[in-house]
Amino acid sequence: MDGVDREALHHIGLRNLRALVAQRQARVQPYQGVFAFLMHGDFEASVILLDDLWDGEFRQFVKGEYAAAIPARDMLAFCDSTSADGIAELQRIIQRVQPTGGHLLTKMIYVRRGGRWQPRAV
């Protein structure tokens, strides 16, 4: 884009995503030992990029490090990274979605450490 650098474009995208979250009345719902982020079926996985939610609003659900799965564009589930039951459920969610789901992203579980997401060591 003319006159907009990469950093500014990233900031605009995050701002637009945050506005979409508010507009769609997104919510977090407990599900089988994890928490599902629901936003009417679009862009749920993108919310992994919104640091303010992970550092703020989502703290009520997880006290330690987060573990999250984003197997498809419209799916985001998370739990405490020390929860064996939660990790097992994230893996089951991934297995249910792969390989027949639409708009697939990744089979990985990610852990948030120091404000950054990284693949979980198996």
C-alpha atoms as a PDB file:
ATOM      1  CA  MET A   1       0.000   0.000   0.000  1.00  0.00           C
ATOM      2  CA  ASP A   2       1.231   3.443  -0.835  1.00  0.00           C
ATOM      3  CA  GLY A   3       2.560   5.358   2.146  1.00  0.00           C
ATOM      4  CA  VAL A   4       1.860   2.627   4.720  1.00  0.00           C
ATOM      5  CA  ASP A   5       4.761   0.615   6.034  1.00  0.00           C
ATOM      6  CA  ARG A   6       4.556  -2.973   7.233  1.00  0.00           C
ATOM      7  CA  GLU A   7       4.346  -2.066  10.930  1.00  0.00           C
ATOM      8  CA  ALA A   8       1.536   0.435  10.375  1.00  0.00           C
ATOM      9  CA  LEU A   9      -0.376  -2.060   8.241  1.00  0.00           C
ATOM     10  CA  HIS A  10      -0.009  -4.695  10.980  1.00  0.00           C
ATOM     11  CA  HIS A  11      -1.292  -2.218  13.588  1.00  0.00           C
ATOM     12  CA  ILE A  12      -4.298  -1.344  11.408  1.00  0.00           C
ATOM     13  CA  GLY A  13      -5.101  -5.037  10.930  1.00  0.00           C
ATOM     14  CA  LEU A  14      -4.954  -5.722  14.667  1.00  0.00           C
ATOM     15  CA  ARG A  15      -7.143  -2.700  15.391  1.00  0.00           C
ATOM     16  CA  ASN A  16      -9.697  -3.896  12.824  1.00  0.00           C
ATOM     17  CA  LEU A  17      -9.654  -7.410  14.288  1.00  0.00           C
ATOM     18  CA  ARG A  18     -10.212  -6.054  17.808  1.00  0.00           C
ATOM     19  CA  ALA A  19     -13.158  -4.003  16.522  1.00  0.00           C
ATOM     20  CA  LEU A  20     -14.586  -7.126  14.864  1.00  0.00           C
ATOM     21  CA  VAL A  21     -14.321  -9.033  18.155  1.00  0.00           C
ATOM     22  CA  ALA A  22     -16.305  -6.304  19.909  1.00  0.00           C
ATOM     23  CA  GLN A  23     -18.841  -5.993  17.090  1.00  0.00           C
ATOM     24  CA  ARG A  24     -19.582  -9.716  16.942  1.00  0.00           C
ATOM     25  CA  GLN A  25     -20.038 -10.025  20.689  1.00  0.00           C
ATOM     26  CA  ALA A  26     -17.390 -12.709  20.944  1.00  0.00           C
ATOM     27  CA  ARG A  27     -17.334 -14.909  24.006  1.00  0.00           C
ATOM     28  CA  VAL A  28     -15.339 -17.607  25.749  1.00  0.00           C
ATOM     29  CA  GLN A  29     -17.172 -20.780  26.671  1.00  0.00           C
ATOM     30  CA  PRO A  30     -15.929 -23.750  28.724  1.00  0.00           C
ATOM     31  CA  TYR A  31     -15.842 -26.986  26.734  1.00  0.00           C
ATOM     32  CA  GLN A  32     -14.559 -30.402  27.884  1.00  0.00           C
ATOM     33  CA  GLY A  33     -11.711 -29.047  30.035  1.00  0.00           C
ATOM     34  CA  VAL A  34     -10.705 -26.235  27.644  1.00  0.00           C
ATOM     35  CA  PHE A  35     -12.130 -22.865  26.690  1.00  0.00           C
ATOM     36  CA  ALA A  36     -13.524 -22.193  23.232  1.00  0.00           C
ATOM     37  CA  PHE A  37     -13.398 -18.696  21.780  1.00  0.00           C
ATOM     38  CA  LEU A  38     -16.567 -18.121  19.741  1.00  0.00           C
ATOM     39  CA  MET A  39     -17.143 -15.313  17.273  1.00  0.00           C
ATOM     40  CA  HIS A  40     -19.824 -16.555  14.861  1.00  0.00           C
ATOM     41  CA  GLY A  41     -17.536 -18.720  12.726  1.00  0.00           C
ATOM     42  CA  ASP A  42     -14.989 -16.338  11.219  1.00  0.00           C
ATOM     43  CA  PHE A  43     -11.523 -15.251  12.248  1.00  0.00           C
ATOM     44  CA  GLU A  44     -11.508 -17.018  15.631  1.00  0.00           C
ATOM     45  CA  ALA A  45      -7.968 -18.285  15.011  1.00  0.00           C
ATOM     46  CA  SER A  46      -6.770 -14.749  14.246  1.00  0.00           C
ATOM     47  CA  VAL A  47      -7.548 -13.728  17.819  1.00  0.00           C
ATOM     48  CA  ILE A  48      -4.340 -15.505  18.821  1.00  0.00           C
ATOM     49  CA  LEU A  49      -2.673 -12.258  17.618  1.00  0.00           C
ATOM     50  CA  LEU A  50      -4.502  -9.968  20.065  1.00  0.00           C
ATOM     51  CA  ASP A  51      -2.052  -9.677  22.951  1.00  0.00           C
ATOM     52  CA  ASP A  52      -4.398  -7.466  24.973  1.00  0.00           C
ATOM     53  CA  LEU A  53      -6.948 -10.275  25.237  1.00  0.00           C
ATOM     54  CA  TRP A  54      -4.359 -12.833  26.368  1.00  0.00           C
ATOM     55  CA  ASP A  55      -2.751 -10.427  28.824  1.00  0.00           C
ATOM     56  CA  GLY A  56      -6.081  -9.113  30.094  1.00  0.00           C
ATOM     57  CA  GLU A  57      -9.553 -10.556  29.572  1.00  0.00           C
ATOM     58  CA  PHE A  58      -8.520 -14.198  29.146  1.00  0.00           C
ATOM     59  CA  ARG A  59      -6.544 -14.190  32.441  1.00  0.00           C
ATOM     60  CA  GLN A  60      -9.760 -15.037  34.272  1.00  0.00           C
ATOM     61  CA  PHE A  61      -9.691 -18.469  32.613  1.00  0.00           C
ATOM     62  CA  VAL A  62      -5.997 -19.412  32.822  1.00  0.00           C
ATOM     63  CA  LYS A  63      -3.561 -18.385  35.553  1.00  0.00           C
ATOM     64  CA  GLY A  64      -0.337 -19.862  34.125  1.00  0.00           C
ATOM     65  CA  GLU A  65       0.917 -20.147  30.567  1.00  0.00           C
ATOM     66  CA  TYR A  66      -1.657 -20.636  27.853  1.00  0.00           C
ATOM     67  CA  ALA A  67      -1.779 -23.590  25.487  1.00  0.00           C
ATOM     68  CA  ALA A  68      -3.896 -23.063  22.369  1.00  0.00           C
ATOM     69  CA  ALA A  69      -5.023 -24.885  19.266  1.00  0.00           C
ATOM     70  CA  ILE A  70      -6.025 -23.180  16.018  1.00  0.00           C
ATOM     71  CA  PRO A  71      -6.691 -26.110  13.696  1.00  0.00           C
ATOM     72  CA  ALA A  72      -8.871 -24.074  11.324  1.00  0.00           C
ATOM     73  CA  ARG A  73      -9.690 -20.461  10.582  1.00  0.00           C
ATOM     74  CA  ASP A  74     -12.889 -20.601  12.608  1.00  0.00           C
ATOM     75  CA  MET A  75     -11.511 -22.417  15.677  1.00  0.00           C
ATOM     76  CA  LEU A  76      -9.602 -21.321  18.746  1.00  0.00           C
ATOM     77  CA  ALA A  77      -9.474 -23.347  21.945  1.00  0.00           C
ATOM     78  CA  PHE A  78      -7.155 -22.852  24.906  1.00  0.00           C
ATOM     79  CA  CYS A  79      -6.298 -24.093  28.382  1.00  0.00           C
ATOM     80  CA  ASP A  80      -3.595 -23.864  31.010  1.00  0.00           C
ATOM     81  CA  SER A  81      -0.431 -25.407  29.577  1.00  0.00           C
ATOM     82  CA  THR A  82      -0.005 -27.556  32.705  1.00  0.00           C
ATOM     83  CA  SER A  83      -3.444 -29.178  32.363  1.00  0.00           C
ATOM     84  CA  ALA A  84      -2.970 -32.735  31.057  1.00  0.00           C
ATOM     85  CA  ASP A  85      -6.735 -33.020  30.493  1.00  0.00           C
ATOM     86  CA  GLY A  86      -6.806 -29.697  28.663  1.00  0.00           C
ATOM     87  CA  ILE A  87      -3.880 -30.616  26.404  1.00  0.00           C
ATOM     88  CA  ALA A  88      -5.519 -33.964  25.629  1.00  0.00           C
ATOM     89  CA  GLU A  89      -8.750 -32.182  24.681  1.00  0.00           C
ATOM     90  CA  LEU A  90      -6.873 -29.722  22.436  1.00  0.00           C
ATOM     91  CA  GLN A  91      -5.335 -32.730  20.680  1.00  0.00           C
ATOM     92  CA  ARG A  92      -8.774 -34.337  20.263  1.00  0.00           C
ATOM     93  CA  ILE A  93     -10.131 -31.106  18.779  1.00  0.00           C
ATOM     94  CA  ILE A  94      -7.281 -31.023  16.269  1.00  0.00           C
ATOM     95  CA  GLN A  95      -7.844 -34.684  15.377  1.00  0.00           C
ATOM     96  CA  ARG A  96     -11.566 -34.103  14.813  1.00  0.00           C
ATOM     97  CA  VAL A  97     -10.957 -31.182  12.480  1.00  0.00           C
ATOM     98  CA  GLN A  98      -8.065 -32.684  10.520  1.00  0.00           C
ATOM     99  CA  PRO A  99      -8.036 -33.699   7.692  1.00  0.00           C
ATOM    100  CA  THR A 100     -11.607 -33.032   6.530  1.00  0.00           C
ATOM    101  CA  GLY A 101     -12.253 -29.570   7.997  1.00  0.00           C
ATOM    102  CA  GLY A 102     -12.433 -26.414   5.956  1.00  0.00           C
ATOM    103  CA  HIS A 103      -9.831 -23.634   5.971  1.00  0.00           C
ATOM    104  CA  LEU A 104      -7.295 -25.736   7.878  1.00  0.00           C
ATOM    105  CA  LEU A 105      -4.352 -24.021   9.569  1.00  0.00           C
ATOM    106  CA  THR A 106      -2.182 -26.205  11.797  1.00  0.00           C
ATOM    107  CA  LYS A 107      -2.059 -29.430  13.808  1.00  0.00           C
ATOM    108  CA  MET A 108       0.258 -27.833  16.372  1.00  0.00           C
ATOM    109  CA  ILE A 109      -0.538 -26.794  19.911  1.00  0.00           C
ATOM    110  CA  TYR A 110       1.078 -23.486  20.844  1.00  0.00           C
ATOM    111  CA  VAL A 111       2.209 -22.215  24.239  1.00  0.00           C
ATOM    112  CA  ARG A 112       2.382 -18.523  25.133  1.00  0.00           C
ATOM    113  CA  ARG A 113       5.592 -17.607  26.935  1.00  0.00           C
ATOM    114  CA  GLY A 114       6.887 -14.115  27.493  1.00  0.00           C
ATOM    115  CA  GLY A 115       4.159 -12.611  25.332  1.00  0.00           C
ATOM    116  CA  ARG A 116       4.969 -14.858  22.346  1.00  0.00           C
ATOM    117  CA  TRP A 117       3.415 -18.013  20.945  1.00  0.00           C
ATOM    118  CA  GLN A 118       5.681 -20.963  20.229  1.00  0.00           C
ATOM    119  CA  PRO A 119       5.017 -24.573  19.223  1.00  0.00           C
ATOM    120  CA  ARG A 120       4.566 -26.845  22.218  1.00  0.00           C
ATOM    121  CA  ALA A 121       7.296 -29.438  22.651  1.00  0.00           C
ATOM    122  CA  VAL A 122       5.815 -32.903  22.422  1.00  0.00           C
END
